[in-house]
C-alpha atoms as a PDB file:
ATOM      1  CA  MET A   1       4.566 -28.248 -42.706  1.00  0.00           C
ATOM      2  CA  THR A   2       5.465 -24.630 -43.539  1.00  0.00           C
ATOM      3  CA  ALA A   3       5.992 -21.752 -40.764  1.00  0.00           C
ATOM      4  CA  ASP A   4       2.821 -20.201 -41.897  1.00  0.00           C
ATOM      5  CA  LYS A   5       0.976 -23.549 -40.176  1.00  0.00           C
ATOM      6  CA  LEU A   6       3.314 -23.050 -37.117  1.00  0.00           C
ATOM      7  CA  PRO A   7       1.199 -22.883 -33.727  1.00  0.00           C
ATOM      8  CA  LEU A   8       1.329 -19.454 -31.788  1.00  0.00           C
ATOM      9  CA  ASN A   9       4.555 -19.637 -29.664  1.00  0.00           C
ATOM     10  CA  LYS A  10       5.327 -23.012 -30.989  1.00  0.00           C
ATOM     11  CA  THR A  11       8.813 -23.807 -32.436  1.00  0.00           C
ATOM     12  CA  GLY A  12       9.909 -25.297 -35.194  1.00  0.00           C
ATOM     13  CA  LYS A  13      13.221 -26.707 -36.798  1.00  0.00           C
ATOM     14  CA  ILE A  14      13.518 -25.310 -40.362  1.00  0.00           C
ATOM     15  CA  LEU A  15      14.106 -28.245 -42.866  1.00  0.00           C
ATOM     16  CA  GLU A  16      14.481 -26.685 -46.010  1.00  0.00           C
ATOM     17  CA  ILE A  17      13.736 -23.278 -47.910  1.00  0.00           C
ATOM     18  CA  LYS A  18      11.668 -24.446 -51.189  1.00  0.00           C
ATOM     19  CA  THR A  19      12.774 -23.617 -54.566  1.00  0.00           C
ATOM     20  CA  SER A  20      12.023 -19.927 -55.168  1.00  0.00           C
ATOM     21  CA  PRO A  21      13.159 -16.931 -56.510  1.00  0.00           C
ATOM     22  CA  LEU A  22      13.033 -15.534 -52.843  1.00  0.00           C
ATOM     23  CA  LYS A  23      14.979 -18.545 -51.619  1.00  0.00           C
ATOM     24  CA  ILE A  24      18.105 -16.358 -51.210  1.00  0.00           C
ATOM     25  CA  ASN A  25      16.876 -13.908 -49.973  1.00  0.00           C
ATOM     26  CA  LEU A  26      14.994 -15.775 -46.702  1.00  0.00           C
ATOM     27  CA  MET A  27      18.514 -17.160 -46.775  1.00  0.00           C
ATOM     28  CA  GLU A  28      20.229 -14.058 -46.460  1.00  0.00           C
ATOM     29  CA  LEU A  29      18.056 -12.581 -43.966  1.00  0.00           C
ATOM     30  CA  GLY A  30      18.854 -15.935 -41.161  1.00  0.00           C
ATOM     31  CA  PHE A  31      16.450 -18.543 -42.392  1.00  0.00           C
ATOM     32  CA  LEU A  32      18.817 -21.287 -42.662  1.00  0.00           C
ATOM     33  CA  PRO A  33      18.041 -25.251 -42.069  1.00  0.00           C
ATOM     34  CA  GLY A  34      18.998 -26.131 -38.464  1.00  0.00           C
ATOM     35  CA  LYS A  35      17.831 -22.669 -37.314  1.00  0.00           C
ATOM     36  CA  TYR A  36      14.797 -22.506 -34.900  1.00  0.00           C
ATOM     37  CA  ILE A  37      11.861 -20.396 -35.013  1.00  0.00           C
ATOM     38  CA  THR A  38       9.009 -19.287 -32.852  1.00  0.00           C
ATOM     39  CA  LEU A  39       6.009 -17.784 -34.074  1.00  0.00           C
ATOM     40  CA  HIS A  40       5.808 -14.745 -32.445  1.00  0.00           C
ATOM     41  CA  HIS A  41       2.556 -13.021 -33.952  1.00  0.00           C
ATOM     42  CA  GLN A  42       0.079 -13.238 -36.332  1.00  0.00           C
ATOM     43  CA  ALA A  43      -1.604 -10.568 -38.075  1.00  0.00           C
ATOM     44  CA  PRO A  44      -5.695 -11.169 -38.656  1.00  0.00           C
ATOM     45  CA  SER A  45      -6.793 -11.753 -42.198  1.00  0.00           C
ATOM     46  CA  GLY A  46      -4.051 -13.415 -43.511  1.00  0.00           C
ATOM     47  CA  GLY A  47      -1.509 -10.610 -42.819  1.00  0.00           C
ATOM     48  CA  PRO A  48       2.431 -10.637 -41.979  1.00  0.00           C
ATOM     49  CA  LEU A  49       3.448 -13.393 -39.784  1.00  0.00           C
ATOM     50  CA  ALA A  50       6.461 -12.423 -36.783  1.00  0.00           C
ATOM     51  CA  PHE A  51       8.828 -14.824 -36.389  1.00  0.00           C
ATOM     52  CA  GLN A  52      11.548 -14.691 -33.124  1.00  0.00           C
ATOM     53  CA  MET A  53      14.773 -16.242 -34.722  1.00  0.00           C
ATOM     54  CA  GLU A  54      17.540 -15.925 -31.788  1.00  0.00           C
ATOM     55  CA  GLU A  55      17.927 -12.341 -31.136  1.00  0.00           C
ATOM     56  CA  THR A  56      16.051 -11.140 -34.036  1.00  0.00           C
ATOM     57  CA  LEU A  57      12.295 -10.503 -34.611  1.00  0.00           C
ATOM     58  CA  LEU A  58      11.380 -10.983 -38.414  1.00  0.00           C
ATOM     59  CA  ALA A  59       8.061 -10.626 -40.051  1.00  0.00           C
ATOM     60  CA  LEU A  60       7.552 -12.428 -43.012  1.00  0.00           C
ATOM     61  CA  ARG A  61       4.527 -12.286 -45.595  1.00  0.00           C
ATOM     62  CA  LYS A  62       2.363 -15.656 -45.419  1.00  0.00           C
ATOM     63  CA  SER A  63       3.493 -16.582 -49.307  1.00  0.00           C
ATOM     64  CA  GLU A  64       6.977 -16.159 -47.924  1.00  0.00           C
ATOM     65  CA  ALA A  65       6.438 -18.336 -44.980  1.00  0.00           C
ATOM     66  CA  GLU A  66       5.057 -20.727 -47.077  1.00  0.00           C
ATOM     67  CA  LEU A  67       7.996 -21.391 -48.526  1.00  0.00           C
ATOM     68  CA  ILE A  68       9.885 -22.401 -45.192  1.00  0.00           C
ATOM     69  CA  LEU A  69       9.456 -26.212 -44.203  1.00  0.00           C
ATOM     70  CA  VAL A  70       9.490 -26.539 -40.321  1.00  0.00           C
ATOM     71  CA  GLU A  71       9.256 -29.524 -38.044  1.00  0.00           C
ATOM     72  CA  LEU A  72       7.660 -28.664 -34.797  1.00  0.00           C
ATOM     73  CA  ILE A  73       9.676 -29.594 -31.658  1.00  0.00           C
END
């Protein structure tokens, strides 16, 4: 599943970042394989998604979150 499909307040382990021009940007933000992310908030109408990763809350567009493959834990 991709990060944009994570249920609210559920945690997933990042498996991979899909090949994209944004891959390096996401990895620089800390979205690395093996890390855990939790969907903290989702804006209505396909707006940004807020992910908790360790001590950081990061907002991504839905199109960016679709690039992150996760495994629900």
